Amino acid sequence: MASITIRGLDDTVKERLRRRAAAHGRSMEAEARAILSDSVRPPNILREFYDATRELPDGTDLDLPEQEPARVIDL
């Protein structure tokens, strides 16, 4: 495995990373690894489509006006 060093990281960024790592029950290094891995992973188009369509309204709360029955026409 490769290793990298990140120099010049702002103290507030480091603190946010520490908090985020603690919230996920990981070390800062493991959290940084997860963030980097997620950011370069190819997009899952099907998952993105599924997530997007789940956010669409399903129409159950749509109030449509009453319609009259269709007229019979004589041809």
N, C-alpha and C. Protein backbone atom coordinates (compact mmCIF):
# COMPACT_ATOMS: atom_id res chain seq x y z
N MET A 1 0.83 -1.18 0.00
CA MET A 1 0.00 0.00 0.00
C MET A 1 0.88 1.24 0.00
N ALA A 2 0.39 2.26 -0.64
CA ALA A 2 1.11 3.53 -0.70
C ALA A 2 0.75 4.38 0.51
N SER A 3 1.62 5.32 0.80
CA SER A 3 1.31 6.27 1.87
C SER A 3 1.59 7.67 1.34
N ILE A 4 0.84 8.63 1.86
CA ILE A 4 1.02 10.02 1.46
C ILE A 4 1.11 10.89 2.71
N THR A 5 1.73 12.03 2.56
CA THR A 5 1.82 13.01 3.64
C THR A 5 1.13 14.27 3.15
N ILE A 6 0.27 14.82 3.98
CA ILE A 6 -0.43 16.06 3.62
C ILE A 6 0.12 17.16 4.50
N ARG A 7 0.82 18.08 3.89
CA ARG A 7 1.41 19.20 4.62
C ARG A 7 0.51 20.43 4.51
N GLY A 8 0.64 21.30 5.49
CA GLY A 8 -0.07 22.57 5.44
C GLY A 8 -1.57 22.45 5.68
N LEU A 9 -2.00 21.40 6.35
CA LEU A 9 -3.43 21.21 6.64
C LEU A 9 -3.85 22.19 7.72
N ASP A 10 -4.88 22.94 7.47
CA ASP A 10 -5.38 23.92 8.42
C ASP A 10 -5.84 23.22 9.70
N ASP A 11 -5.62 23.86 10.83
CA ASP A 11 -6.00 23.27 12.12
C ASP A 11 -7.49 22.99 12.23
N THR A 12 -8.32 23.86 11.63
CA THR A 12 -9.76 23.62 11.69
C THR A 12 -10.15 22.39 10.88
N VAL A 13 -9.48 22.17 9.77
CA VAL A 13 -9.75 20.97 8.96
C VAL A 13 -9.35 19.73 9.74
N LYS A 14 -8.21 19.78 10.39
CA LYS A 14 -7.76 18.65 11.20
C LYS A 14 -8.75 18.36 12.33
N GLU A 15 -9.25 19.40 12.97
CA GLU A 15 -10.21 19.22 14.06
C GLU A 15 -11.52 18.63 13.55
N ARG A 16 -11.98 19.10 12.40
CA ARG A 16 -13.21 18.54 11.81
C ARG A 16 -13.01 17.08 11.44
N LEU A 17 -11.83 16.76 10.92
CA LEU A 17 -11.53 15.37 10.59
C LEU A 17 -11.52 14.52 11.86
N ARG A 18 -10.96 15.04 12.93
CA ARG A 18 -10.92 14.31 14.20
C ARG A 18 -12.34 14.04 14.71
N ARG A 19 -13.21 15.06 14.65
CA ARG A 19 -14.60 14.89 15.09
C ARG A 19 -15.35 13.88 14.22
N ARG A 20 -15.14 14.00 12.92
CA ARG A 20 -15.82 13.08 12.00
C ARG A 20 -15.35 11.65 12.24
N ALA A 21 -14.06 11.46 12.45
CA ALA A 21 -13.52 10.14 12.73
C ALA A 21 -14.11 9.58 14.01
N ALA A 22 -14.20 10.41 15.04
CA ALA A 22 -14.78 9.97 16.31
C ALA A 22 -16.25 9.58 16.14
N ALA A 23 -16.98 10.34 15.34
CA ALA A 23 -18.39 10.03 15.10
C ALA A 23 -18.57 8.70 14.39
N HIS A 24 -17.60 8.32 13.55
CA HIS A 24 -17.66 7.05 12.83
C HIS A 24 -16.91 5.93 13.54
N GLY A 25 -16.34 6.24 14.71
CA GLY A 25 -15.62 5.22 15.47
C GLY A 25 -14.33 4.77 14.80
N ARG A 26 -13.65 5.70 14.13
CA ARG A 26 -12.41 5.36 13.43
C ARG A 26 -11.29 6.31 13.87
N SER A 27 -10.09 5.92 13.52
CA SER A 27 -8.95 6.82 13.72
C SER A 27 -9.01 7.90 12.64
N MET A 28 -8.26 8.97 12.86
CA MET A 28 -8.21 10.02 11.84
C MET A 28 -7.64 9.49 10.54
N GLU A 29 -6.66 8.62 10.63
CA GLU A 29 -6.06 8.04 9.43
C GLU A 29 -7.08 7.20 8.67
N ALA A 30 -7.84 6.37 9.40
CA ALA A 30 -8.86 5.54 8.75
C ALA A 30 -9.96 6.40 8.14
N GLU A 31 -10.31 7.48 8.82
CA GLU A 31 -11.34 8.38 8.29
C GLU A 31 -10.85 9.06 7.02
N ALA A 32 -9.61 9.53 7.03
CA ALA A 32 -9.04 10.17 5.84
C ALA A 32 -8.98 9.18 4.69
N ARG A 33 -8.63 7.93 4.99
CA ARG A 33 -8.59 6.88 3.96
C ARG A 33 -9.98 6.67 3.37
N ALA A 34 -11.00 6.61 4.23
CA ALA A 34 -12.37 6.41 3.76
C ALA A 34 -12.83 7.58 2.90
N ILE A 35 -12.52 8.79 3.32
CA ILE A 35 -12.91 9.98 2.55
C ILE A 35 -12.25 9.97 1.18
N LEU A 36 -10.96 9.68 1.14
CA LEU A 36 -10.25 9.64 -0.14
C LEU A 36 -10.79 8.54 -1.04
N SER A 37 -11.03 7.36 -0.47
CA SER A 37 -11.55 6.24 -1.26
C SER A 37 -12.92 6.57 -1.85
N ASP A 38 -13.80 7.15 -1.02
CA ASP A 38 -15.14 7.51 -1.50
C ASP A 38 -15.10 8.58 -2.58
N SER A 39 -14.15 9.50 -2.46
CA SER A 39 -14.11 10.62 -3.41
C SER A 39 -13.60 10.22 -4.79
N VAL A 40 -12.86 9.13 -4.89
CA VAL A 40 -12.32 8.72 -6.20
C VAL A 40 -13.01 7.48 -6.75
N ARG A 41 -13.98 6.95 -6.03
CA ARG A 41 -14.72 5.77 -6.50
C ARG A 41 -15.58 6.17 -7.70
N PRO A 42 -15.60 5.35 -8.74
CA PRO A 42 -16.44 5.68 -9.90
C PRO A 42 -17.91 5.74 -9.47
N PRO A 43 -18.68 6.63 -10.08
CA PRO A 43 -20.09 6.75 -9.68
C PRO A 43 -20.88 5.50 -10.04
N ASN A 44 -21.81 5.14 -9.19
CA ASN A 44 -22.72 4.03 -9.44
C ASN A 44 -23.99 4.64 -10.02
N ILE A 45 -24.10 4.62 -11.34
CA ILE A 45 -25.20 5.29 -12.03
C ILE A 45 -26.55 4.73 -11.59
N LEU A 46 -26.66 3.41 -11.47
CA LEU A 46 -27.94 2.82 -11.07
C LEU A 46 -28.33 3.26 -9.67
N ARG A 47 -27.38 3.32 -8.75
CA ARG A 47 -27.67 3.76 -7.39
C ARG A 47 -28.10 5.22 -7.38
N GLU A 48 -27.41 6.05 -8.16
CA GLU A 48 -27.77 7.47 -8.22
C GLU A 48 -29.17 7.65 -8.80
N PHE A 49 -29.52 6.84 -9.81
CA PHE A 49 -30.85 6.91 -10.40
C PHE A 49 -31.90 6.49 -9.37
N TYR A 50 -31.63 5.41 -8.66
CA TYR A 50 -32.55 4.92 -7.63
C TYR A 50 -32.76 5.99 -6.56
N ASP A 51 -31.67 6.58 -6.08
CA ASP A 51 -31.78 7.61 -5.05
C ASP A 51 -32.57 8.82 -5.56
N ALA A 52 -32.33 9.20 -6.81
CA ALA A 52 -33.03 10.35 -7.38
C ALA A 52 -34.52 10.08 -7.53
N THR A 53 -34.89 8.88 -7.97
CA THR A 53 -36.30 8.57 -8.16
C THR A 53 -37.03 8.38 -6.84
N ARG A 54 -36.33 7.98 -5.81
CA ARG A 54 -36.97 7.85 -4.49
C ARG A 54 -37.40 9.20 -3.96
N GLU A 55 -36.73 10.26 -4.38
CA GLU A 55 -37.05 11.60 -3.91
C GLU A 55 -38.23 12.22 -4.67
N LEU A 56 -38.66 11.59 -5.75
CA LEU A 56 -39.77 12.12 -6.52
C LEU A 56 -41.08 11.86 -5.78
N PRO A 57 -42.05 12.75 -5.90
CA PRO A 57 -43.34 12.50 -5.25
C PRO A 57 -44.02 11.31 -5.90
N ASP A 58 -44.74 10.53 -5.09
CA ASP A 58 -45.40 9.33 -5.63
C ASP A 58 -46.82 9.60 -6.09
N GLY A 59 -47.33 10.79 -5.86
CA GLY A 59 -48.65 11.15 -6.36
C GLY A 59 -49.78 10.80 -5.41
N THR A 60 -49.50 10.14 -4.29
CA THR A 60 -50.58 9.75 -3.38
C THR A 60 -51.24 10.95 -2.72
N ASP A 61 -50.55 12.05 -2.61
CA ASP A 61 -51.14 13.23 -1.99
C ASP A 61 -51.58 14.26 -3.02
N LEU A 62 -51.66 13.85 -4.27
CA LEU A 62 -52.05 14.75 -5.35
C LEU A 62 -53.57 14.81 -5.43
N ASP A 63 -54.14 15.98 -5.24
CA ASP A 63 -55.59 16.15 -5.31
C ASP A 63 -55.98 16.49 -6.74
N LEU A 64 -56.62 15.56 -7.41
CA LEU A 64 -57.08 15.78 -8.78
C LEU A 64 -58.57 16.11 -8.75
N PRO A 65 -59.02 17.00 -9.64
CA PRO A 65 -60.45 17.33 -9.66
C PRO A 65 -61.27 16.13 -10.16
N GLU A 66 -62.51 16.08 -9.69
CA GLU A 66 -63.42 15.03 -10.16
C GLU A 66 -63.64 15.20 -11.66
N GLN A 67 -63.71 14.08 -12.35
CA GLN A 67 -63.95 14.14 -13.79
C GLN A 67 -65.31 13.53 -14.09
N GLU A 68 -65.93 14.10 -15.11
CA GLU A 68 -67.22 13.56 -15.55
C GLU A 68 -66.95 12.35 -16.44
N PRO A 69 -67.88 11.41 -16.46
CA PRO A 69 -67.69 10.24 -17.32
C PRO A 69 -67.61 10.67 -18.79
N ALA A 70 -66.93 9.89 -19.58
CA ALA A 70 -66.78 10.20 -21.00
C ALA A 70 -68.14 10.14 -21.69
N ARG A 71 -68.31 11.03 -22.68
CA ARG A 71 -69.56 11.04 -23.44
C ARG A 71 -69.52 9.94 -24.49
N VAL A 72 -70.65 9.37 -24.74
CA VAL A 72 -70.76 8.38 -25.80
C VAL A 72 -71.04 9.13 -27.09
N ILE A 73 -70.29 8.81 -28.13
CA ILE A 73 -70.53 9.47 -29.41
C ILE A 73 -71.04 8.44 -30.41
N ASP A 74 -71.87 8.90 -31.28
CA ASP A 74 -72.47 8.04 -32.29
C ASP A 74 -71.70 8.20 -33.59
N LEU A 75 -71.10 7.13 -34.06
CA LEU A 75 -70.36 7.20 -35.32
C LEU A 75 -71.15 6.67 -36.45
